[in-house]
Every structure is written in structure tokens, then in C-alpha cells.
Amino acid sequence: MKRVMSALAIAAVLATGTVVVTEAQDRTIGERIDDAAISASIKTKLAADRAKNLLSVNVDTREGVVHLKGAVPTERDRSEAERLARGTKGVRGVQNDLVVTEGAASPRTR
């Protein structure tokens, strides 16, 4: 009975931990650093280009594909964020999930 319980415990640990371990091992440290550098570069561009509109954009990069999330005041800002991301060295693709919240107050108008 003790062996059965031990085997079940090990199986439970492996079943719940396998996904995390696999995901952590499928990318090298260098790849994670490259993705972090891409994200940081894009955030810097967003802040420098139009700080009033694009500071709240969330940038996540995985294997060179950038995912933009958050809200921006205009469609022009949405397009500009994507353009800046696409023009960043190392970017292989952009998924733009930014939502336009026209009429929302920007930090400058508050």
C-alpha cells in the first residue's frame, strides 16, 4: 500500500510539473535574454515617441514574436505601436491586440 501511495504521489508531481519544466527548458537563456532585449527596446521606443499615449502598452516577446496588449487612445496610436515594434531589430512578427479607447483621457489631458 505504501508503494502505491508513493507511486501516485510521484505521478501527481510529474503530471503537474511536466508542463512547467518542459516550457522552461524549451528556450535557452540566450533566447530569453534576446526576447527581453527586444521588449525593452520596444518599450523605450514607445516611451520616447509618444509618452502621452503609449506608456501603458504591454510588450511581451517570445522567440522574436512581439505581442502588444493594452489600450491606446486612437487607431493611429495602435498602428504606430505596431510600426515601432516591427522596426525593432530581432523582431520576426507582431501580434497587435491593442484596444482603441477613443475619447479616453490621456495623461496630458488629466
N, C-alpha and C. Protein backbone atom coordinates (compact mmCIF):
# COMPACT_ATOMS: atom_id res chain seq x y z
N MET A 1 0.82 -1.19 0.00
CA MET A 1 0.00 0.00 0.00
C MET A 1 0.87 1.27 0.00
N LYS A 2 1.98 1.19 0.76
CA LYS A 2 2.87 2.34 0.83
C LYS A 2 3.49 2.63 -0.54
N ARG A 3 3.83 1.57 -1.28
CA ARG A 3 4.39 1.75 -2.62
C ARG A 3 3.39 2.38 -3.58
N VAL A 4 2.16 1.97 -3.48
CA VAL A 4 1.11 2.51 -4.34
C VAL A 4 0.94 4.00 -4.08
N MET A 5 0.92 4.39 -2.81
CA MET A 5 0.76 5.80 -2.46
C MET A 5 1.97 6.62 -2.94
N SER A 6 3.16 6.05 -2.81
CA SER A 6 4.36 6.74 -3.28
C SER A 6 4.33 6.91 -4.79
N ALA A 7 3.91 5.87 -5.48
CA ALA A 7 3.82 5.94 -6.94
C ALA A 7 2.79 6.98 -7.37
N LEU A 8 1.65 7.03 -6.68
CA LEU A 8 0.63 8.02 -7.00
C LEU A 8 1.14 9.44 -6.74
N ALA A 9 1.86 9.62 -5.65
CA ALA A 9 2.41 10.94 -5.33
C ALA A 9 3.41 11.38 -6.39
N ILE A 10 4.28 10.47 -6.80
CA ILE A 10 5.25 10.79 -7.85
C ILE A 10 4.55 11.11 -9.16
N ALA A 11 3.53 10.33 -9.50
CA ALA A 11 2.78 10.57 -10.73
C ALA A 11 2.10 11.93 -10.70
N ALA A 12 1.55 12.30 -9.53
CA ALA A 12 0.89 13.60 -9.41
C ALA A 12 1.88 14.74 -9.59
N VAL A 13 3.05 14.60 -8.99
CA VAL A 13 4.08 15.64 -9.12
C VAL A 13 4.52 15.76 -10.57
N LEU A 14 4.75 14.63 -11.21
CA LEU A 14 5.18 14.65 -12.60
C LEU A 14 4.11 15.22 -13.51
N ALA A 15 2.86 14.89 -13.25
CA ALA A 15 1.77 15.38 -14.09
C ALA A 15 1.61 16.88 -13.99
N THR A 16 1.75 17.43 -12.79
CA THR A 16 1.57 18.87 -12.62
C THR A 16 2.83 19.65 -12.96
N GLY A 17 4.00 19.06 -12.82
CA GLY A 17 5.23 19.79 -13.04
C GLY A 17 5.82 19.65 -14.43
N THR A 18 5.33 18.73 -15.21
CA THR A 18 5.90 18.46 -16.52
C THR A 18 5.78 19.66 -17.45
N VAL A 19 4.64 20.30 -17.47
CA VAL A 19 4.42 21.42 -18.37
C VAL A 19 5.38 22.55 -18.04
N VAL A 20 5.53 22.87 -16.78
CA VAL A 20 6.41 23.95 -16.37
C VAL A 20 7.85 23.63 -16.72
N VAL A 21 8.28 22.43 -16.42
CA VAL A 21 9.66 22.03 -16.71
C VAL A 21 9.92 22.05 -18.21
N THR A 22 9.00 21.52 -18.99
CA THR A 22 9.16 21.49 -20.43
C THR A 22 9.24 22.91 -20.99
N GLU A 23 8.35 23.79 -20.52
CA GLU A 23 8.35 25.16 -21.03
C GLU A 23 9.64 25.87 -20.66
N ALA A 24 10.14 25.64 -19.47
CA ALA A 24 11.37 26.31 -19.03
C ALA A 24 12.58 25.81 -19.81
N GLN A 25 12.56 24.57 -20.26
CA GLN A 25 13.71 24.01 -20.93
C GLN A 25 13.68 24.17 -22.45
N ASP A 26 12.56 24.60 -23.01
CA ASP A 26 12.49 24.69 -24.47
C ASP A 26 13.18 25.93 -25.03
N ARG A 27 13.62 26.84 -24.17
CA ARG A 27 14.32 28.04 -24.60
C ARG A 27 15.61 28.19 -23.82
N THR A 28 16.64 28.60 -24.51
CA THR A 28 17.92 28.81 -23.83
C THR A 28 17.90 30.15 -23.11
N ILE A 29 18.86 30.32 -22.23
CA ILE A 29 18.99 31.59 -21.53
C ILE A 29 19.24 32.72 -22.54
N GLY A 30 20.04 32.44 -23.55
CA GLY A 30 20.31 33.43 -24.58
C GLY A 30 19.06 33.86 -25.31
N GLU A 31 18.17 32.91 -25.62
CA GLU A 31 16.92 33.25 -26.30
C GLU A 31 16.04 34.11 -25.40
N ARG A 32 15.99 33.78 -24.12
CA ARG A 32 15.19 34.59 -23.19
C ARG A 32 15.76 36.00 -23.06
N ILE A 33 17.09 36.10 -23.05
CA ILE A 33 17.72 37.42 -22.96
C ILE A 33 17.44 38.22 -24.23
N ASP A 34 17.53 37.57 -25.40
CA ASP A 34 17.22 38.25 -26.66
C ASP A 34 15.79 38.79 -26.65
N ASP A 35 14.85 37.96 -26.20
CA ASP A 35 13.45 38.39 -26.15
C ASP A 35 13.27 39.56 -25.18
N ALA A 36 13.93 39.49 -24.05
CA ALA A 36 13.83 40.58 -23.07
C ALA A 36 14.42 41.88 -23.64
N ALA A 37 15.51 41.77 -24.39
CA ALA A 37 16.13 42.95 -25.00
C ALA A 37 15.21 43.55 -26.06
N ILE A 38 14.54 42.71 -26.83
CA ILE A 38 13.58 43.20 -27.83
C ILE A 38 12.45 43.95 -27.13
N SER A 39 11.88 43.35 -26.09
CA SER A 39 10.79 44.00 -25.35
C SER A 39 11.24 45.34 -24.77
N ALA A 40 12.41 45.37 -24.19
CA ALA A 40 12.92 46.62 -23.59
C ALA A 40 13.14 47.68 -24.66
N SER A 41 13.66 47.28 -25.80
CA SER A 41 13.89 48.23 -26.89
C SER A 41 12.57 48.83 -27.38
N ILE A 42 11.56 47.99 -27.51
CA ILE A 42 10.26 48.47 -27.98
C ILE A 42 9.64 49.40 -26.95
N LYS A 43 9.69 49.03 -25.66
CA LYS A 43 9.14 49.89 -24.61
C LYS A 43 9.84 51.25 -24.61
N THR A 44 11.14 51.26 -24.83
CA THR A 44 11.88 52.52 -24.89
C THR A 44 11.40 53.37 -26.05
N LYS A 45 11.21 52.75 -27.22
CA LYS A 45 10.71 53.48 -28.38
C LYS A 45 9.31 54.03 -28.13
N LEU A 46 8.46 53.23 -27.51
CA LEU A 46 7.08 53.68 -27.23
C LEU A 46 7.09 54.87 -26.28
N ALA A 47 7.93 54.82 -25.28
CA ALA A 47 8.01 55.92 -24.31
C ALA A 47 8.59 57.17 -24.94
N ALA A 48 9.59 57.02 -25.79
CA ALA A 48 10.26 58.18 -26.39
C ALA A 48 9.42 58.81 -27.49
N ASP A 49 8.72 58.00 -28.25
CA ASP A 49 7.99 58.51 -29.40
C ASP A 49 6.73 59.28 -29.00
N ARG A 50 5.94 58.73 -28.13
CA ARG A 50 4.69 59.38 -27.75
C ARG A 50 4.34 58.99 -26.32
N ALA A 51 5.05 59.54 -25.39
CA ALA A 51 4.86 59.17 -23.99
C ALA A 51 3.42 59.37 -23.53
N LYS A 52 2.73 60.31 -24.10
CA LYS A 52 1.37 60.59 -23.64
C LYS A 52 0.40 59.46 -23.96
N ASN A 53 0.69 58.66 -24.97
CA ASN A 53 -0.27 57.66 -25.41
C ASN A 53 0.15 56.21 -25.22
N LEU A 54 1.43 55.92 -25.25
CA LEU A 54 1.84 54.53 -25.41
C LEU A 54 2.56 53.92 -24.21
N LEU A 55 2.59 54.61 -23.08
CA LEU A 55 3.27 54.05 -21.92
C LEU A 55 2.56 52.84 -21.33
N SER A 56 1.26 52.74 -21.52
CA SER A 56 0.51 51.64 -20.92
C SER A 56 0.46 50.39 -21.80
N VAL A 57 1.18 50.39 -22.90
CA VAL A 57 1.20 49.24 -23.79
C VAL A 57 2.08 48.15 -23.16
N ASN A 58 1.52 46.94 -23.05
CA ASN A 58 2.26 45.80 -22.52
C ASN A 58 2.95 45.11 -23.69
N VAL A 59 4.25 44.90 -23.59
CA VAL A 59 5.04 44.27 -24.64
C VAL A 59 5.59 42.95 -24.12
N ASP A 60 5.27 41.87 -24.80
CA ASP A 60 5.79 40.55 -24.43
C ASP A 60 6.39 39.93 -25.68
N THR A 61 7.59 39.39 -25.57
CA THR A 61 8.26 38.81 -26.73
C THR A 61 8.63 37.36 -26.45
N ARG A 62 8.34 36.51 -27.41
CA ARG A 62 8.71 35.08 -27.31
C ARG A 62 9.18 34.63 -28.67
N GLU A 63 10.43 34.19 -28.72
CA GLU A 63 11.06 33.71 -29.94
C GLU A 63 10.98 34.75 -31.07
N GLY A 64 11.15 36.01 -30.69
CA GLY A 64 11.18 37.09 -31.66
C GLY A 64 9.81 37.59 -32.10
N VAL A 65 8.75 36.98 -31.60
CA VAL A 65 7.39 37.42 -31.94
C VAL A 65 6.90 38.29 -30.79
N VAL A 66 6.54 39.52 -31.13
CA VAL A 66 6.12 40.51 -30.14
C VAL A 66 4.60 40.50 -30.02
N HIS A 67 4.12 40.51 -28.78
CA HIS A 67 2.69 40.57 -28.51
C HIS A 67 2.42 41.89 -27.80
N LEU A 68 1.64 42.75 -28.46
CA LEU A 68 1.27 44.04 -27.89
C LEU A 68 -0.12 43.93 -27.29
N LYS A 69 -0.27 44.32 -26.01
CA LYS A 69 -1.55 44.28 -25.32
C LYS A 69 -1.76 45.59 -24.58
N GLY A 70 -3.00 45.92 -24.35
CA GLY A 70 -3.32 47.13 -23.59
C GLY A 70 -4.28 48.00 -24.35
N ALA A 71 -4.35 49.25 -23.95
CA ALA A 71 -5.28 50.20 -24.55
C ALA A 71 -4.55 51.45 -24.99
N VAL A 72 -4.96 51.99 -26.13
CA VAL A 72 -4.41 53.24 -26.66
C VAL A 72 -5.59 54.14 -27.06
N PRO A 73 -5.38 55.46 -27.07
CA PRO A 73 -6.48 56.37 -27.34
C PRO A 73 -7.00 56.37 -28.78
N THR A 74 -6.13 56.12 -29.76
CA THR A 74 -6.58 56.23 -31.15
C THR A 74 -6.06 55.08 -32.01
N GLU A 75 -6.69 54.91 -33.15
CA GLU A 75 -6.23 53.89 -34.11
C GLU A 75 -4.83 54.25 -34.62
N ARG A 76 -4.55 55.52 -34.73
CA ARG A 76 -3.22 55.96 -35.16
C ARG A 76 -2.15 55.50 -34.16
N ASP A 77 -2.45 55.61 -32.87
CA ASP A 77 -1.51 55.15 -31.84
C ASP A 77 -1.33 53.64 -31.91
N ARG A 78 -2.40 52.92 -32.18
CA ARG A 78 -2.33 51.46 -32.31
C ARG A 78 -1.39 51.08 -33.47
N SER A 79 -1.58 51.75 -34.60
CA SER A 79 -0.74 51.49 -35.77
C SER A 79 0.71 51.88 -35.53
N GLU A 80 0.90 53.00 -34.84
CA GLU A 80 2.26 53.48 -34.55
C GLU A 80 3.00 52.50 -33.63
N ALA A 81 2.32 51.97 -32.65
CA ALA A 81 2.95 50.99 -31.75
C ALA A 81 3.39 49.75 -32.54
N GLU A 82 2.54 49.30 -33.44
CA GLU A 82 2.89 48.14 -34.26
C GLU A 82 4.06 48.46 -35.19
N ARG A 83 4.05 49.64 -35.78
CA ARG A 83 5.13 50.05 -36.68
C ARG A 83 6.47 50.08 -35.94
N LEU A 84 6.46 50.65 -34.73
CA LEU A 84 7.69 50.72 -33.94
C LEU A 84 8.18 49.32 -33.57
N ALA A 85 7.25 48.44 -33.24
CA ALA A 85 7.63 47.07 -32.89
C ALA A 85 8.23 46.35 -34.10
N ARG A 86 7.58 46.46 -35.25
CA ARG A 86 8.07 45.79 -36.46
C ARG A 86 9.44 46.30 -36.88
N GLY A 87 9.73 47.56 -36.59
CA GLY A 87 11.01 48.15 -36.98
C GLY A 87 12.14 47.89 -36.00
N THR A 88 11.90 47.07 -35.01
CA THR A 88 12.91 46.78 -34.00
C THR A 88 13.75 45.57 -34.40
N LYS A 89 15.05 45.69 -34.25
CA LYS A 89 15.97 44.61 -34.62
C LYS A 89 15.62 43.33 -33.85
N GLY A 90 15.56 42.22 -34.58
CA GLY A 90 15.31 40.92 -33.97
C GLY A 90 13.85 40.50 -33.99
N VAL A 91 12.95 41.40 -34.33
CA VAL A 91 11.52 41.08 -34.34
C VAL A 91 11.19 40.29 -35.59
N ARG A 92 10.56 39.12 -35.39
CA ARG A 92 10.17 38.27 -36.52
C ARG A 92 8.68 38.38 -36.83
N GLY A 93 7.92 38.94 -35.92
CA GLY A 93 6.48 39.10 -36.14
C GLY A 93 5.88 39.90 -35.01
N VAL A 94 4.67 40.43 -35.26
CA VAL A 94 3.97 41.23 -34.25
C VAL A 94 2.52 40.80 -34.20
N GLN A 95 2.05 40.52 -32.99
CA GLN A 95 0.63 40.25 -32.75
C GLN A 95 0.10 41.47 -32.02
N ASN A 96 -0.74 42.25 -32.69
CA ASN A 96 -1.23 43.50 -32.14
C ASN A 96 -2.63 43.31 -31.57
N ASP A 97 -2.72 43.21 -30.26
CA ASP A 97 -4.01 43.08 -29.58
C ASP A 97 -4.35 44.35 -28.79
N LEU A 98 -3.84 45.48 -29.26
CA LEU A 98 -4.15 46.74 -28.60
C LEU A 98 -5.60 47.12 -28.88
N VAL A 99 -6.26 47.67 -27.86
CA VAL A 99 -7.64 48.09 -27.97
C VAL A 99 -7.68 49.62 -28.02
N VAL A 100 -8.44 50.15 -28.96
CA VAL A 100 -8.57 51.60 -29.09
C VAL A 100 -9.70 52.07 -28.18
N THR A 101 -9.37 53.02 -27.32
CA THR A 101 -10.35 53.57 -26.39
C THR A 101 -10.55 55.04 -26.71
N GLU A 102 -11.05 55.33 -27.90
CA GLU A 102 -11.23 56.71 -28.34
C GLU A 102 -12.07 57.47 -27.32
N GLY A 103 -11.64 58.69 -27.06
CA GLY A 103 -12.36 59.53 -26.13
C GLY A 103 -11.84 59.41 -24.70
N ALA A 104 -10.99 58.41 -24.45
CA ALA A 104 -10.42 58.27 -23.10
C ALA A 104 -9.38 59.36 -22.89
N ALA A 105 -9.31 59.87 -21.69
CA ALA A 105 -8.36 60.94 -21.38
C ALA A 105 -6.94 60.41 -21.38
N SER A 106 -6.06 61.13 -22.03
CA SER A 106 -4.65 60.77 -21.99
C SER A 106 -4.03 61.40 -20.77
N PRO A 107 -2.84 60.98 -20.35
CA PRO A 107 -2.18 61.56 -19.18
C PRO A 107 -1.98 63.06 -19.31
N ARG A 108 -1.81 63.58 -20.52
CA ARG A 108 -1.60 65.03 -20.70
C ARG A 108 -2.88 65.82 -20.48
N THR A 109 -4.04 65.19 -20.71
CA THR A 109 -5.29 65.95 -20.59
C THR A 109 -5.91 65.81 -19.23
N ARG A 110 -5.30 65.05 -18.34
CA ARG A 110 -5.85 64.88 -16.98
C ARG A 110 -5.44 65.99 -16.09
